[in-house]
Amino acid sequence: MKKLILAALLLAAAAATLLYLSPAAQLAAYHRLEQWRAGLHERQVSVNDLQISYYEGGPQGAETIVLVHGFGADKSTWLWFARNLTERYHVIAVDLPGFGASDRPHGSYDVGTQAERLAAFVDALGIRRLHLAGHSMGGHIAALYAARYPAKVTSLALIANAGVTAPRRSAFFQRLEEQGDNPLLVESAPQFDQLLDWLFVAPPQLPERLHQYLAQRAVADSAHQREVFEHLRDRYLPLEPELPRIQAPTLLLWGDQDRILDVSSIETMQPLLKKPSVVIIKGCGHAPILERPEESAADYLKFIDQASLQAAQQRQPSQAQQGSDSQ
C-alpha cells in the first residue's frame, strides 16, 4: 500500500511539474497519469513491417479484450473506459495503422484493409480468442473482423459504429451530402470547437493552453485525416451483408443524441444479428466511451461477463463429450 501511495504522489508531482512546461508535455503527462490509473502500459510490435503501438494491461492469462478506436482518434480514447476493465480482463487498446503512434503506411486506409491489419496484429500477439469492441469507424472494422474470423471472437461490442444505412439520416450526413462540408475535418482552430460540439452533448472543459494545442495539432493533421476519410468513402464496405455472418453475441451501444451516426442504425442492425443486445445511453452524443465512460463500461462489463459465461457453458458439453468418446 505504501508503495502505491508513493508512486501516486511521485506521478502527481511529475504531472504538476509538467503543467508549467509545454502543452505537449502537459498532454503527455496527463496520458501517463491516466495510463497508470487504468493499469495500462504502452508497447510496440512489428506486424508486416509496420510498427504498431498499443496499450496493454490487466492480468495475464485472463480473457482478452481488444479495443479499436474511431476516425481521427487513437488508443488514448479508451483510457477512461478501460480503467473499469483491467481488474479482471487482459485489455489491449490498439493504434490502428495511420493513427496515434503507429506507422502511417502509404497504402489504403479503407475498413477492409484495416480489418486485415487488425487480424495480423491479433495473430502477432498470439491471441487465440478475444472480446472485441470498436467505436465508430473502429466498430465498422471490428464487425468486419468478427464476420471474417467468427471462431476467434467470444463477443463483439459495436459502439456507435459506422457501416450501415440508418433509417434516419444523421445531422452529419445531411451536412456532408447537402453542403459538402465535413465537420470531422479540422482545418482551422474554430472548427475544433465545432467538432467538439458535434461529438458531445456536453463537451469536455479543457485548460485553455491545452485546448489551443489540441486544435493546432488537429489542423496540422487535417490533410492526412482527409486522405483517410476519402479512402473510407471511396472504398466503402457496407455491413448489412456481413452482419448475418457474425456468430458472437453482439452489443449495440449508442448515445441517444448522436449527431454523427444516428441511433436508428440499431434498427437496421438488430434484425441481421444472431445474438444482439442493445444499450442506449440517455443524454449522450457520439462518444459514450469519453462522455460517459463509467456508465458505458459498466454496461459493457455486464455484457461480456454474460458472454463469457455462455461460452464456458457451451464448452462444457463439448469437453464432456470428448471425455466420453475417449473411454
Protein backbone atom coordinates (compact mmCIF):
# COMPACT_ATOMS: atom_id res chain seq x y z
CA MET A 1 0.00 0.00 0.00
CA LYS A 2 2.82 2.42 0.93
CA LYS A 3 4.47 1.77 -2.44
CA LEU A 4 1.22 2.52 -4.28
CA ILE A 5 0.75 5.76 -2.37
CA LEU A 6 4.35 6.80 -3.04
CA ALA A 7 4.00 6.00 -6.74
CA ALA A 8 0.81 8.05 -6.94
CA LEU A 9 2.46 11.01 -5.20
CA LEU A 10 5.51 10.86 -7.45
CA LEU A 11 3.36 10.63 -10.57
CA ALA A 12 1.18 13.53 -9.41
CA ALA A 13 4.28 15.62 -8.66
CA ALA A 14 5.72 14.88 -12.10
CA ALA A 15 2.44 15.78 -13.76
CA ALA A 16 2.20 19.02 -11.77
CA THR A 17 5.74 19.97 -12.79
CA LEU A 18 4.99 19.38 -16.46
CA LEU A 19 1.96 21.64 -16.28
CA TYR A 20 4.40 24.55 -16.31
CA LEU A 21 6.08 23.29 -19.47
CA SER A 22 4.70 22.96 -23.00
CA PRO A 23 1.12 21.88 -23.72
CA ALA A 24 2.56 18.79 -25.46
CA ALA A 25 4.34 17.82 -22.24
CA GLN A 26 1.16 18.58 -20.31
CA LEU A 27 -0.85 16.26 -22.53
CA ALA A 28 1.79 13.52 -22.34
CA ALA A 29 1.84 13.75 -18.55
CA TYR A 30 -1.95 13.59 -18.39
CA HIS A 31 -2.00 10.49 -20.59
CA ARG A 32 0.69 8.83 -18.47
CA LEU A 33 -1.33 9.54 -15.36
CA GLU A 34 -4.46 8.05 -16.92
CA GLN A 35 -2.48 5.05 -18.17
CA TRP A 36 -1.27 4.44 -14.63
CA ARG A 37 -4.79 4.76 -13.23
CA ALA A 38 -6.04 2.30 -15.85
CA GLY A 39 -3.18 -0.13 -15.24
CA LEU A 40 -2.06 0.11 -18.86
CA HIS A 41 1.44 0.12 -20.36
CA GLU A 42 2.42 1.35 -23.82
CA ARG A 43 4.03 -1.25 -26.05
CA GLN A 44 5.00 -1.76 -29.69
CA VAL A 45 5.03 -4.75 -32.02
CA SER A 46 6.19 -5.15 -35.63
CA VAL A 47 3.44 -6.50 -37.89
CA ASN A 48 4.12 -6.95 -41.62
CA ASP A 49 6.86 -4.29 -41.50
CA LEU A 50 4.60 -1.83 -39.65
CA GLN A 51 5.30 -0.67 -36.10
CA ILE A 52 2.02 -0.88 -34.18
CA SER A 53 1.62 0.92 -30.87
CA TYR A 54 -0.82 -0.31 -28.24
CA TYR A 55 -1.73 -0.22 -24.57
CA GLU A 56 -1.80 -3.44 -22.58
CA GLY A 57 -2.87 -4.15 -19.01
CA GLY A 58 -4.79 -6.43 -16.72
CA PRO A 59 -3.96 -9.94 -15.54
CA GLN A 60 -2.06 -12.19 -17.94
CA GLY A 61 -4.00 -15.39 -18.53
CA ALA A 62 -7.35 -13.65 -18.20
CA GLU A 63 -9.69 -13.36 -21.16
CA THR A 64 -8.53 -10.72 -23.64
CA ILE A 65 -10.41 -7.60 -24.70
CA VAL A 66 -9.21 -5.75 -27.82
CA LEU A 67 -10.40 -2.14 -28.23
CA VAL A 68 -10.42 -0.38 -31.63
CA HIS A 69 -10.71 3.43 -31.83
CA GLY A 70 -12.61 5.57 -34.30
CA PHE A 71 -11.76 8.02 -37.09
CA GLY A 72 -9.36 10.81 -36.15
CA ALA A 73 -8.75 9.20 -32.75
CA ASP A 74 -6.19 6.85 -31.20
CA LYS A 75 -5.81 4.35 -28.37
CA SER A 76 -5.92 7.09 -25.71
CA THR A 77 -9.67 7.50 -26.24
CA TRP A 78 -10.13 4.21 -24.33
CA LEU A 79 -8.17 5.19 -21.19
CA TRP A 80 -11.16 6.19 -19.05
CA PHE A 81 -13.33 3.31 -20.29
CA ALA A 82 -10.55 0.71 -19.85
CA ARG A 83 -9.93 1.73 -16.23
CA ASN A 84 -13.04 -0.25 -15.34
CA LEU A 85 -11.95 -3.41 -17.20
CA THR A 86 -8.34 -4.16 -16.25
CA GLU A 87 -9.05 -5.57 -12.81
CA ARG A 88 -10.47 -8.79 -14.29
CA TYR A 89 -9.67 -8.75 -18.02
CA HIS A 90 -6.50 -8.61 -20.11
CA VAL A 91 -7.04 -5.38 -22.07
CA ILE A 92 -5.39 -4.22 -25.31
CA ALA A 93 -6.15 -0.87 -26.98
CA VAL A 94 -4.50 -0.55 -30.39
CA ASP A 95 -3.44 2.40 -32.53
CA LEU A 96 -4.58 1.38 -35.99
CA PRO A 97 -2.01 1.99 -38.74
CA GLY A 98 -2.29 5.65 -39.74
CA PHE A 99 -3.27 6.80 -36.25
CA GLY A 100 -1.63 7.65 -32.95
CA ALA A 101 1.92 6.36 -32.53
CA SER A 102 1.61 3.58 -35.13
CA ASP A 103 3.23 3.81 -38.56
CA ARG A 104 1.47 5.59 -41.40
CA PRO A 105 1.79 3.37 -44.48
CA HIS A 106 1.29 4.73 -47.99
CA GLY A 107 -1.32 2.06 -48.71
CA SER A 108 -5.05 2.11 -48.18
CA TYR A 109 -6.97 3.04 -45.03
CA ASP A 110 -10.31 1.52 -46.04
CA VAL A 111 -12.04 -0.64 -43.43
CA GLY A 112 -11.43 -3.89 -45.29
CA THR A 113 -7.67 -3.32 -45.31
CA GLN A 114 -7.69 -2.21 -41.68
CA ALA A 115 -9.66 -5.31 -40.66
CA GLU A 116 -6.89 -7.49 -42.13
CA ARG A 117 -4.24 -5.39 -40.38
CA LEU A 118 -6.16 -5.90 -37.15
CA ALA A 119 -6.19 -9.66 -37.81
CA ALA A 120 -2.41 -9.65 -38.34
CA PHE A 121 -1.95 -7.65 -35.11
CA VAL A 122 -4.08 -10.12 -33.12
CA ASP A 123 -2.11 -13.03 -34.55
CA ALA A 124 1.23 -11.32 -33.83
CA LEU A 125 0.27 -11.07 -30.15
CA GLY A 126 -0.71 -14.75 -30.07
CA ILE A 127 -4.34 -14.06 -29.13
CA ARG A 128 -6.44 -17.14 -29.85
CA ARG A 129 -9.84 -15.78 -28.74
CA LEU A 130 -10.94 -12.29 -27.80
CA HIS A 131 -13.72 -9.98 -26.79
CA LEU A 132 -13.69 -7.29 -29.48
CA ALA A 133 -15.04 -3.75 -29.15
CA GLY A 134 -14.90 -0.89 -31.64
CA HIS A 135 -16.11 2.69 -31.68
CA SER A 136 -17.39 4.49 -34.80
CA MET A 137 -15.00 3.61 -37.67
CA GLY A 138 -13.41 1.11 -35.28
CA GLY A 139 -16.81 -0.55 -34.86
CA HIS A 140 -17.09 -0.94 -38.64
CA ILE A 141 -13.65 -2.59 -38.67
CA ALA A 142 -14.44 -4.78 -35.65
CA ALA A 143 -17.68 -6.00 -37.24
CA LEU A 144 -15.83 -6.96 -40.42
CA TYR A 145 -13.24 -8.84 -38.36
CA ALA A 146 -15.96 -10.72 -36.44
CA ALA A 147 -17.67 -11.67 -39.71
CA ARG A 148 -14.42 -12.85 -41.31
CA TYR A 149 -12.98 -14.62 -38.24
CA PRO A 150 -16.02 -15.83 -36.27
CA ALA A 151 -14.15 -18.62 -34.48
CA LYS A 152 -11.84 -16.11 -32.78
CA VAL A 153 -14.50 -13.79 -31.33
CA THR A 154 -16.18 -14.57 -28.00
CA SER A 155 -18.16 -11.33 -28.02
CA LEU A 156 -18.46 -8.18 -30.11
CA ALA A 157 -19.37 -4.66 -28.97
CA LEU A 158 -20.24 -2.06 -31.59
CA ILE A 159 -20.26 1.42 -30.06
CA ALA A 160 -21.92 3.98 -32.35
CA ASN A 161 -20.41 2.09 -35.29
CA ALA A 162 -20.21 3.17 -38.89
CA GLY A 163 -21.02 0.96 -41.86
CA VAL A 164 -24.82 0.77 -42.03
CA THR A 165 -27.55 2.87 -43.60
CA ALA A 166 -29.68 4.31 -40.81
CA PRO A 167 -33.45 4.78 -41.26
CA ARG A 168 -32.94 8.41 -40.19
CA ARG A 169 -30.11 10.42 -41.70
CA SER A 170 -27.87 11.95 -39.07
CA ALA A 171 -27.15 15.68 -38.93
CA PHE A 172 -23.59 14.85 -40.02
CA PHE A 173 -24.66 13.11 -43.22
CA GLN A 174 -27.19 15.83 -44.00
CA ARG A 175 -24.39 18.40 -43.74
CA LEU A 176 -21.95 16.27 -45.75
CA GLU A 177 -24.38 15.43 -48.56
CA GLU A 178 -26.20 18.75 -48.85
CA GLN A 179 -23.37 21.22 -48.22
CA GLY A 180 -20.27 19.17 -48.96
CA ASP A 181 -18.90 20.15 -45.55
CA ASN A 182 -17.28 17.52 -43.31
CA PRO A 183 -17.38 18.58 -39.63
CA LEU A 184 -14.93 15.80 -38.71
CA LEU A 185 -12.10 17.52 -40.61
CA VAL A 186 -10.48 20.37 -38.68
CA GLU A 187 -8.75 22.91 -40.92
CA SER A 188 -8.92 25.93 -38.59
CA ALA A 189 -8.91 26.46 -34.84
CA PRO A 190 -12.63 27.47 -34.67
CA GLN A 191 -13.53 24.19 -36.41
CA PHE A 192 -12.02 22.29 -33.48
CA ASP A 193 -14.64 23.82 -31.17
CA GLN A 194 -17.32 22.93 -33.69
CA LEU A 195 -16.02 19.34 -33.80
CA LEU A 196 -16.40 19.02 -30.03
CA ASP A 197 -19.98 20.28 -30.30
CA TRP A 198 -20.68 17.66 -32.96
CA LEU A 199 -19.22 14.83 -30.88
CA PHE A 200 -20.56 15.59 -27.41
CA VAL A 201 -23.75 16.71 -25.73
CA ALA A 202 -21.53 18.20 -23.01
CA PRO A 203 -18.04 18.89 -24.49
CA PRO A 204 -15.11 18.40 -22.10
CA GLN A 205 -13.78 21.50 -20.37
CA LEU A 206 -10.08 21.77 -21.23
CA PRO A 207 -7.41 24.17 -19.93
CA GLU A 208 -7.00 26.95 -22.50
CA ARG A 209 -3.38 26.19 -23.43
CA LEU A 210 -4.18 22.50 -23.87
CA HIS A 211 -7.30 23.36 -25.85
CA GLN A 212 -5.26 25.52 -28.22
CA TYR A 213 -2.60 22.84 -28.59
CA LEU A 214 -5.14 20.14 -29.47
CA ALA A 215 -6.74 22.47 -32.03
CA GLN A 216 -3.36 23.23 -33.62
CA ARG A 217 -2.47 19.55 -33.72
CA ALA A 218 -5.78 18.70 -35.41
CA VAL A 219 -5.23 21.42 -38.02
CA ALA A 220 -1.68 20.19 -38.71
CA ASP A 221 -3.00 16.66 -39.28
CA SER A 222 -6.00 17.62 -41.40
CA ALA A 223 -4.50 16.61 -44.76
CA HIS A 224 -3.83 13.06 -43.53
CA GLN A 225 -7.28 12.79 -41.97
CA ARG A 226 -8.85 13.96 -45.22
CA GLU A 227 -6.95 11.24 -47.10
CA VAL A 228 -8.18 8.59 -44.64
CA PHE A 229 -11.77 9.80 -44.91
CA GLU A 230 -11.60 9.69 -48.71
CA HIS A 231 -10.41 6.08 -48.54
CA LEU A 232 -13.28 5.22 -46.19
CA ARG A 233 -15.81 6.87 -48.51
CA ASP A 234 -14.45 5.76 -51.88
CA ARG A 235 -13.84 2.14 -50.79
CA TYR A 236 -16.88 1.81 -48.58
CA LEU A 237 -17.90 -1.69 -47.48
CA PRO A 238 -21.50 -1.92 -46.20
CA LEU A 239 -22.03 -4.05 -43.11
CA GLU A 240 -25.55 -5.23 -43.92
CA PRO A 241 -24.35 -8.31 -45.91
CA GLU A 242 -21.70 -9.07 -43.26
CA LEU A 243 -23.74 -8.92 -40.05
CA PRO A 244 -25.55 -12.30 -40.53
CA ARG A 245 -22.09 -13.98 -40.63
CA ILE A 246 -21.26 -12.82 -37.09
CA GLN A 247 -21.68 -15.71 -34.65
CA ALA A 248 -20.76 -13.94 -31.39
CA PRO A 249 -23.16 -12.19 -29.02
CA THR A 250 -23.14 -8.56 -30.13
CA LEU A 251 -23.75 -5.44 -28.05
CA LEU A 252 -25.04 -2.34 -29.84
CA LEU A 253 -24.26 0.61 -27.58
CA TRP A 254 -25.26 4.13 -28.60
CA GLY A 255 -25.85 7.64 -27.32
CA ASP A 256 -29.40 8.76 -27.95
CA GLN A 257 -28.25 12.21 -29.13
CA ASP A 258 -25.57 11.07 -31.57
CA ARG A 259 -25.33 13.67 -34.37
CA ILE A 260 -22.64 11.78 -36.34
CA LEU A 261 -24.22 8.32 -36.70
CA ASP A 262 -27.90 8.24 -35.84
CA VAL A 263 -29.09 5.87 -33.13
CA SER A 264 -31.68 4.49 -35.57
CA SER A 265 -28.78 2.49 -37.07
CA ILE A 266 -29.68 -0.07 -34.40
CA GLU A 267 -32.97 -0.69 -36.21
CA THR A 268 -31.02 -1.75 -39.30
CA MET A 269 -28.53 -3.98 -37.48
CA GLN A 270 -30.59 -5.73 -34.82
CA PRO A 271 -32.62 -7.99 -37.17
CA LEU A 272 -29.45 -9.02 -39.05
CA LEU A 273 -27.53 -10.21 -35.99
CA LYS A 274 -27.92 -13.66 -34.44
CA LYS A 275 -27.45 -12.60 -30.80
CA PRO A 276 -27.96 -8.86 -30.40
CA SER A 277 -28.20 -6.82 -27.20
CA VAL A 278 -28.95 -3.10 -27.12
CA VAL A 279 -27.99 -0.31 -24.73
CA ILE A 280 -28.94 3.31 -25.42
CA ILE A 281 -27.41 5.93 -23.12
CA LYS A 282 -29.63 8.92 -22.50
CA GLY A 283 -28.27 12.43 -22.95
CA CYS A 284 -25.11 11.22 -24.67
CA GLY A 285 -23.51 12.01 -28.03
CA HIS A 286 -21.31 10.08 -30.43
CA ALA A 287 -18.58 9.07 -27.96
CA PRO A 288 -20.02 7.31 -24.88
CA ILE A 289 -16.55 5.96 -24.05
CA LEU A 290 -15.42 9.56 -23.49
CA GLU A 291 -18.57 11.37 -22.44
CA ARG A 292 -19.91 8.63 -20.14
CA PRO A 293 -17.01 6.19 -19.65
CA GLU A 294 -18.09 4.68 -16.32
CA GLU A 295 -21.68 4.09 -17.41
CA SER A 296 -20.75 2.65 -20.79
CA ALA A 297 -18.03 0.45 -19.25
CA ALA A 298 -20.49 -0.88 -16.64
CA ASP A 299 -22.94 -1.83 -19.40
CA TYR A 300 -20.11 -3.42 -21.37
CA LEU A 301 -18.88 -5.45 -18.40
CA LYS A 302 -22.36 -6.87 -17.82
CA PHE A 303 -22.47 -7.88 -21.46
CA ILE A 304 -19.06 -9.59 -21.65
CA ASP A 305 -19.48 -11.30 -18.28
CA GLN A 306 -22.64 -12.89 -19.65
CA ALA A 307 -20.98 -13.72 -22.97
CA SER A 308 -18.06 -15.38 -21.14
CA LEU A 309 -20.46 -17.44 -19.04
CA GLN A 310 -22.36 -18.60 -22.11
CA ALA A 311 -19.13 -19.51 -23.91
CA ALA A 312 -17.96 -21.54 -20.89
CA GLN A 313 -21.28 -23.38 -20.72
CA GLN A 314 -21.07 -24.23 -24.42
CA ARG A 315 -17.55 -25.62 -23.99
CA GLN A 316 -18.51 -27.89 -21.07
CA PRO A 317 -20.81 -30.27 -23.01
CA SER A 318 -18.19 -30.45 -25.76
CA GLN A 319 -15.47 -31.33 -23.24
CA ALA A 320 -17.73 -33.88 -21.58
CA GLN A 321 -18.46 -35.48 -24.95
CA GLN A 322 -14.74 -35.65 -25.73
CA GLY A 323 -14.16 -37.43 -22.40
CA SER A 324 -16.94 -39.90 -23.16
CA ASP A 325 -15.58 -40.58 -26.63
CA SER A 326 -12.13 -41.34 -25.25
CA GLN A 327 -13.44 -44.01 -22.82
